[in-house]
């Protein structure tokens, strides 16, 4: 068996994020954006690509 403990969690207080109660995955947490959480509010939003798949850019024919 193994366990994981955050080095910034001291008695339930996050020493990394302004000494507020620890909530794994909150913004500012070392885990934020690195893992997917069951709570969607703790997950980063996906970035939309500049050129979504299926759309082709219009070629520039030199006229303006």
PDB file of N, CA and C in Angstrom:
ATOM      1  N   UNK A   1       0.824  -1.163   0.000  1.00  0.00           N
ATOM      2  CA  UNK A   1       0.000   0.000   0.000  1.00  0.00           C
ATOM      3  C   UNK A   1       0.884   1.246   0.000  1.00  0.00           C
ATOM      4  N   UNK A   2       0.389   2.315  -0.638  1.00  0.00           N
ATOM      5  CA  UNK A   2       1.136   3.566  -0.620  1.00  0.00           C
ATOM      6  C   UNK A   2       0.170   4.722  -0.423  1.00  0.00           C
ATOM      7  N   UNK A   3       0.713   5.825  -0.015  1.00  0.00           N
ATOM      8  CA  UNK A   3      -0.099   7.022   0.189  1.00  0.00           C
ATOM      9  C   UNK A   3       0.652   8.212  -0.382  1.00  0.00           C
ATOM     10  N   UNK A   4      -0.097   9.245  -0.700  1.00  0.00           N
ATOM     11  CA  UNK A   4       0.513  10.454  -1.227  1.00  0.00           C
ATOM     12  C   UNK A   4       0.132  11.606  -0.320  1.00  0.00           C
ATOM     13  N   UNK A   5       1.070  12.444  -0.044  1.00  0.00           N
ATOM     14  CA  UNK A   5       0.788  13.623   0.761  1.00  0.00           C
ATOM     15  C   UNK A   5       1.425  14.840   0.112  1.00  0.00           C
ATOM     16  N   UNK A   6       0.704  15.914   0.068  1.00  0.00           N
ATOM     17  CA  UNK A   6       1.219  17.143  -0.519  1.00  0.00           C
ATOM     18  C   UNK A   6       2.159  17.823   0.474  1.00  0.00           C
ATOM     19  N   UNK A   7       3.358  18.211   0.031  1.00  0.00           N
ATOM     20  CA  UNK A   7       4.285  18.867   0.953  1.00  0.00           C
ATOM     21  C   UNK A   7       3.812  20.265   1.377  1.00  0.00           C
ATOM     22  N   UNK A   8       2.839  20.833   0.673  1.00  0.00           N
ATOM     23  CA  UNK A   8       2.323  22.157   1.004  1.00  0.00           C
ATOM     24  C   UNK A   8       1.127  22.093   1.949  1.00  0.00           C
ATOM     25  N   UNK A   9       0.611  20.892   2.218  1.00  0.00           N
ATOM     26  CA  UNK A   9      -0.538  20.705   3.114  1.00  0.00           C
ATOM     27  C   UNK A   9      -0.018  20.476   4.533  1.00  0.00           C
ATOM     28  N   UNK A  10      -0.186  21.482   5.380  1.00  0.00           N
ATOM     29  CA  UNK A  10       0.219  21.369   6.778  1.00  0.00           C
ATOM     30  C   UNK A  10      -1.045  21.457   7.632  1.00  0.00           C
ATOM     31  N   UNK A  11      -1.445  20.321   8.187  1.00  0.00           N
ATOM     32  CA  UNK A  11      -2.637  20.225   9.027  1.00  0.00           C
ATOM     33  C   UNK A  11      -3.876  20.787   8.334  1.00  0.00           C
ATOM     34  N   UNK A  12      -4.027  20.488   7.034  1.00  0.00           N
ATOM     35  CA  UNK A  12      -5.213  20.904   6.289  1.00  0.00           C
ATOM     36  C   UNK A  12      -5.150  22.315   5.722  1.00  0.00           C
ATOM     37  N   UNK A  13      -4.020  22.997   5.912  1.00  0.00           N
ATOM     38  CA  UNK A  13      -3.842  24.362   5.409  1.00  0.00           C
ATOM     39  C   UNK A  13      -2.805  24.329   4.290  1.00  0.00           C
ATOM     40  N   UNK A  14      -3.111  25.006   3.178  1.00  0.00           N
ATOM     41  CA  UNK A  14      -2.187  25.049   2.039  1.00  0.00           C
ATOM     42  C   UNK A  14      -1.203  26.195   2.238  1.00  0.00           C
ATOM     43  N   UNK A  15       0.062  25.855   2.429  1.00  0.00           N
ATOM     44  CA  UNK A  15       1.081  26.884   2.621  1.00  0.00           C
ATOM     45  C   UNK A  15       1.522  27.503   1.305  1.00  0.00           C
ATOM     46  N   UNK A  16       1.114  26.932   0.184  1.00  0.00           N
ATOM     47  CA  UNK A  16       1.454  27.470  -1.136  1.00  0.00           C
ATOM     48  C   UNK A  16       0.457  28.555  -1.569  1.00  0.00           C
ATOM     49  N   UNK A  17      -0.814  28.396  -1.196  1.00  0.00           N
ATOM     50  CA  UNK A  17      -1.865  29.318  -1.630  1.00  0.00           C
ATOM     51  C   UNK A  17      -2.413  30.088  -0.421  1.00  0.00           C
ATOM     52  N   UNK A  18      -1.687  31.094   0.019  1.00  0.00           N
ATOM     53  CA  UNK A  18      -2.144  32.045   1.046  1.00  0.00           C
ATOM     54  C   UNK A  18      -2.675  31.426   2.330  1.00  0.00           C
ATOM     55  N   UNK A  19      -2.191  30.268   2.695  1.00  0.00           N
ATOM     56  CA  UNK A  19      -2.584  29.609   3.953  1.00  0.00           C
ATOM     57  C   UNK A  19      -4.093  29.438   4.103  1.00  0.00           C
ATOM     58  N   UNK A  20      -4.761  29.074   3.012  1.00  0.00           N
ATOM     59  CA  UNK A  20      -6.198  28.791   3.063  1.00  0.00           C
ATOM     60  C   UNK A  20      -6.392  27.288   3.204  1.00  0.00           C
ATOM     61  N   UNK A  21      -7.603  26.838   3.567  1.00  0.00           N
ATOM     62  CA  UNK A  21      -7.828  25.397   3.687  1.00  0.00           C
ATOM     63  C   UNK A  21      -7.476  24.675   2.381  1.00  0.00           C
ATOM     64  N   UNK A  22      -6.769  23.552   2.516  1.00  0.00           N
ATOM     65  CA  UNK A  22      -6.316  22.782   1.359  1.00  0.00           C
ATOM     66  C   UNK A  22      -7.508  22.142   0.634  1.00  0.00           C
ATOM     67  N   UNK A  23      -7.543  22.336  -0.675  1.00  0.00           N
ATOM     68  CA  UNK A  23      -8.551  21.726  -1.535  1.00  0.00           C
ATOM     69  C   UNK A  23      -7.800  21.254  -2.773  1.00  0.00           C
ATOM     70  N   UNK A  24      -7.395  19.985  -2.790  1.00  0.00           N
ATOM     71  CA  UNK A  24      -6.561  19.462  -3.873  1.00  0.00           C
ATOM     72  C   UNK A  24      -7.110  19.839  -5.243  1.00  0.00           C
ATOM     73  N   UNK A  25      -6.257  20.423  -6.068  1.00  0.00           N
ATOM     74  CA  UNK A  25      -6.632  20.789  -7.424  1.00  0.00           C
ATOM     75  C   UNK A  25      -7.133  22.205  -7.576  1.00  0.00           C
ATOM     76  N   UNK A  26      -7.260  22.954  -6.468  1.00  0.00           N
ATOM     77  CA  UNK A  26      -7.723  24.340  -6.580  1.00  0.00           C
ATOM     78  C   UNK A  26      -6.703  25.160  -7.365  1.00  0.00           C
ATOM     79  N   UNK A  27      -7.135  26.290  -7.901  1.00  0.00           N
ATOM     80  CA  UNK A  27      -6.233  27.140  -8.659  1.00  0.00           C
ATOM     81  C   UNK A  27      -5.078  27.565  -7.753  1.00  0.00           C
ATOM     82  N   UNK A  28      -3.860  27.403  -8.254  1.00  0.00           N
ATOM     83  CA  UNK A  28      -2.664  27.698  -7.477  1.00  0.00           C
ATOM     84  C   UNK A  28      -2.023  26.451  -6.895  1.00  0.00           C
ATOM     85  N   UNK A  29      -2.791  25.374  -6.811  1.00  0.00           N
ATOM     86  CA  UNK A  29      -2.286  24.092  -6.306  1.00  0.00           C
ATOM     87  C   UNK A  29      -1.273  23.519  -7.296  1.00  0.00           C
ATOM     88  N   UNK A  30      -0.257  22.826  -6.789  1.00  0.00           N
ATOM     89  CA  UNK A  30       0.736  22.217  -7.669  1.00  0.00           C
ATOM     90  C   UNK A  30       0.114  21.173  -8.586  1.00  0.00           C
ATOM     91  N   UNK A  31      -1.072  20.684  -8.255  1.00  0.00           N
ATOM     92  CA  UNK A  31      -1.739  19.679  -9.073  1.00  0.00           C
ATOM     93  C   UNK A  31      -2.642  20.296 -10.139  1.00  0.00           C
ATOM     94  N   UNK A  32      -2.942  21.605 -10.021  1.00  0.00           N
ATOM     95  CA  UNK A  32      -3.858  22.263 -10.945  1.00  0.00           C
ATOM     96  C   UNK A  32      -3.336  22.169 -12.377  1.00  0.00           C
ATOM     97  N   UNK A  33      -4.170  21.619 -13.252  1.00  0.00           N
ATOM     98  CA  UNK A  33      -3.816  21.502 -14.661  1.00  0.00           C
ATOM     99  C   UNK A  33      -2.958  20.305 -15.003  1.00  0.00           C
ATOM    100  N   UNK A  34      -2.472  19.583 -14.026  1.00  0.00           N
ATOM    101  CA  UNK A  34      -1.617  18.428 -14.291  1.00  0.00           C
ATOM    102  C   UNK A  34      -2.397  17.120 -14.296  1.00  0.00           C
ATOM    103  N   UNK A  35      -3.551  17.115 -13.658  1.00  0.00           N
ATOM    104  CA  UNK A  35      -4.358  15.920 -13.549  1.00  0.00           C
ATOM    105  C   UNK A  35      -5.812  16.255 -13.828  1.00  0.00           C
ATOM    106  N   UNK A  36      -6.616  15.260 -14.152  1.00  0.00           N
ATOM    107  CA  UNK A  36      -8.065  15.444 -14.348  1.00  0.00           C
ATOM    108  C   UNK A  36      -8.752  15.056 -13.043  1.00  0.00           C
ATOM    109  N   UNK A  37      -9.671  15.897 -12.602  1.00  0.00           N
ATOM    110  CA  UNK A  37     -10.404  15.650 -11.370  1.00  0.00           C
ATOM    111  C   UNK A  37     -11.859  15.332 -11.683  1.00  0.00           C
ATOM    112  N   UNK A  38     -12.525  14.651 -10.768  1.00  0.00           N
ATOM    113  CA  UNK A  38     -13.940  14.329 -10.943  1.00  0.00           C
ATOM    114  C   UNK A  38     -14.788  15.599 -10.913  1.00  0.00           C
ATOM    115  N   UNK A  39     -14.326  16.610 -10.193  1.00  0.00           N
ATOM    116  CA  UNK A  39     -15.028  17.896 -10.123  1.00  0.00           C
ATOM    117  C   UNK A  39     -14.589  18.752 -11.321  1.00  0.00           C
ATOM    118  N   UNK A  40     -15.467  18.999 -12.296  1.00  0.00           N
ATOM    119  CA  UNK A  40     -15.087  19.748 -13.497  1.00  0.00           C
ATOM    120  C   UNK A  40     -14.589  21.166 -13.202  1.00  0.00           C
ATOM    121  N   UNK A  41     -14.972  21.747 -12.084  1.00  0.00           N
ATOM    122  CA  UNK A  41     -14.522  23.095 -11.743  1.00  0.00           C
ATOM    123  C   UNK A  41     -13.021  23.144 -11.462  1.00  0.00           C
ATOM    124  N   UNK A  42     -12.432  22.000 -11.141  1.00  0.00           N
ATOM    125  CA  UNK A  42     -11.002  21.945 -10.842  1.00  0.00           C
ATOM    126  C   UNK A  42     -10.157  21.650 -12.080  1.00  0.00           C
ATOM    127  N   UNK A  43     -10.799  21.392 -13.201  1.00  0.00           N
ATOM    128  CA  UNK A  43     -10.070  21.071 -14.427  1.00  0.00           C
ATOM    129  C   UNK A  43      -9.906  22.319 -15.285  1.00  0.00           C
ATOM    130  N   UNK A  44      -8.767  22.414 -15.955  1.00  0.00           N
ATOM    131  CA  UNK A  44      -8.549  23.517 -16.886  1.00  0.00           C
ATOM    132  C   UNK A  44      -9.450  23.329 -18.092  1.00  0.00           C
ATOM    133  N   UNK A  45      -9.873  24.434 -18.668  1.00  0.00           N
ATOM    134  CA  UNK A  45     -10.673  24.337 -19.881  1.00  0.00           C
ATOM    135  C   UNK A  45      -9.751  24.022 -21.047  1.00  0.00           C
ATOM    136  N   UNK A  46     -10.290  23.301 -22.019  1.00  0.00           N
ATOM    137  CA  UNK A  46      -9.492  22.947 -23.184  1.00  0.00           C
ATOM    138  C   UNK A  46      -9.360  24.157 -24.088  1.00  0.00           C
ATOM    139  N   UNK A  47      -8.159  24.345 -24.637  1.00  0.00           N
ATOM    140  CA  UNK A  47      -7.939  25.444 -25.561  1.00  0.00           C
ATOM    141  C   UNK A  47      -8.461  25.051 -26.936  1.00  0.00           C
ATOM    142  N   UNK A  48      -9.095  25.999 -27.611  1.00  0.00           N
ATOM    143  CA  UNK A  48      -9.591  25.763 -28.970  1.00  0.00           C
ATOM    144  C   UNK A  48      -8.438  26.022 -29.923  1.00  0.00           C
ATOM    145  N   UNK A  49      -8.147  25.081 -30.814  1.00  0.00           N
ATOM    146  CA  UNK A  49      -7.029  25.300 -31.735  1.00  0.00           C
ATOM    147  C   UNK A  49      -7.310  26.476 -32.672  1.00  0.00           C
ATOM    148  N   UNK A  50      -6.239  27.125 -33.136  1.00  0.00           N
ATOM    149  CA  UNK A  50      -6.377  28.286 -34.016  1.00  0.00           C
ATOM    150  C   UNK A  50      -7.068  27.910 -35.322  1.00  0.00           C
ATOM    151  N   UNK A  51      -6.836  26.699 -35.821  1.00  0.00           N
ATOM    152  CA  UNK A  51      -7.453  26.227 -37.051  1.00  0.00           C
ATOM    153  C   UNK A  51      -8.091  24.869 -36.754  1.00  0.00           C
ATOM    154  N   UNK A  52      -9.354  24.855 -36.306  1.00  0.00           N
ATOM    155  CA  UNK A  52      -9.989  23.577 -35.966  1.00  0.00           C
ATOM    156  C   UNK A  52      -9.960  22.583 -37.125  1.00  0.00           C
ATOM    157  N   UNK A  53      -9.858  21.326 -36.788  1.00  0.00           N
ATOM    158  CA  UNK A  53      -9.813  20.261 -37.788  1.00  0.00           C
ATOM    159  C   UNK A  53     -11.061  20.324 -38.660  1.00  0.00           C
ATOM    160  N   UNK A  54     -10.870  20.177 -39.948  1.00  0.00           N
ATOM    161  CA  UNK A  54     -12.003  20.184 -40.866  1.00  0.00           C
ATOM    162  C   UNK A  54     -12.173  21.513 -41.568  1.00  0.00           C
ATOM    163  N   UNK A  55     -11.565  22.566 -41.047  1.00  0.00           N
ATOM    164  CA  UNK A  55     -11.645  23.871 -41.685  1.00  0.00           C
ATOM    165  C   UNK A  55     -10.330  24.132 -42.421  1.00  0.00           C
ATOM    166  N   UNK A  56     -10.429  24.514 -43.652  1.00  0.00           N
ATOM    167  CA  UNK A  56      -9.223  24.811 -44.416  1.00  0.00           C
ATOM    168  C   UNK A  56      -9.121  26.314 -44.630  1.00  0.00           C
ATOM    169  N   UNK A  57      -7.923  26.857 -44.505  1.00  0.00           N
ATOM    170  CA  UNK A  57      -7.776  28.287 -44.701  1.00  0.00           C
ATOM    171  C   UNK A  57      -8.014  28.679 -46.150  1.00  0.00           C
ATOM    172  N   UNK A  58      -8.515  29.880 -46.373  1.00  0.00           N
ATOM    173  CA  UNK A  58      -8.757  30.390 -47.718  1.00  0.00           C
ATOM    174  C   UNK A  58      -7.410  30.823 -48.280  1.00  0.00           C
ATOM    175  N   UNK A  59      -7.027  30.331 -49.466  1.00  0.00           N
ATOM    176  CA  UNK A  59      -5.736  30.702 -50.027  1.00  0.00           C
ATOM    177  C   UNK A  59      -5.713  32.191 -50.417  1.00  0.00           C
ATOM    178  N   UNK A  60      -4.578  32.816 -50.234  1.00  0.00           N
ATOM    179  CA  UNK A  60      -4.403  34.212 -50.596  1.00  0.00           C
ATOM    180  C   UNK A  60      -3.960  34.267 -52.051  1.00  0.00           C
ATOM    181  N   UNK A  61      -4.785  34.851 -52.912  1.00  0.00           N
ATOM    182  CA  UNK A  61      -4.440  34.893 -54.332  1.00  0.00           C
ATOM    183  C   UNK A  61      -3.767  36.207 -54.712  1.00  0.00           C
ATOM    184  N   UNK A  62      -3.400  37.011 -53.724  1.00  0.00           N
ATOM    185  CA  UNK A  62      -2.663  38.227 -54.003  1.00  0.00           C
ATOM    186  C   UNK A  62      -3.537  39.440 -54.271  1.00  0.00           C
ATOM    187  N   UNK A  63      -4.846  39.297 -54.415  1.00  0.00           N
ATOM    188  CA  UNK A  63      -5.706  40.460 -54.643  1.00  0.00           C
ATOM    189  C   UNK A  63      -6.232  40.985 -53.328  1.00  0.00           C
ATOM    190  N   UNK A  64      -6.514  42.259 -53.287  1.00  0.00           N
ATOM    191  CA  UNK A  64      -7.027  42.835 -52.039  1.00  0.00           C
ATOM    192  C   UNK A  64      -8.317  43.535 -52.264  1.00  0.00           C
TER     193      UNK A  64
END
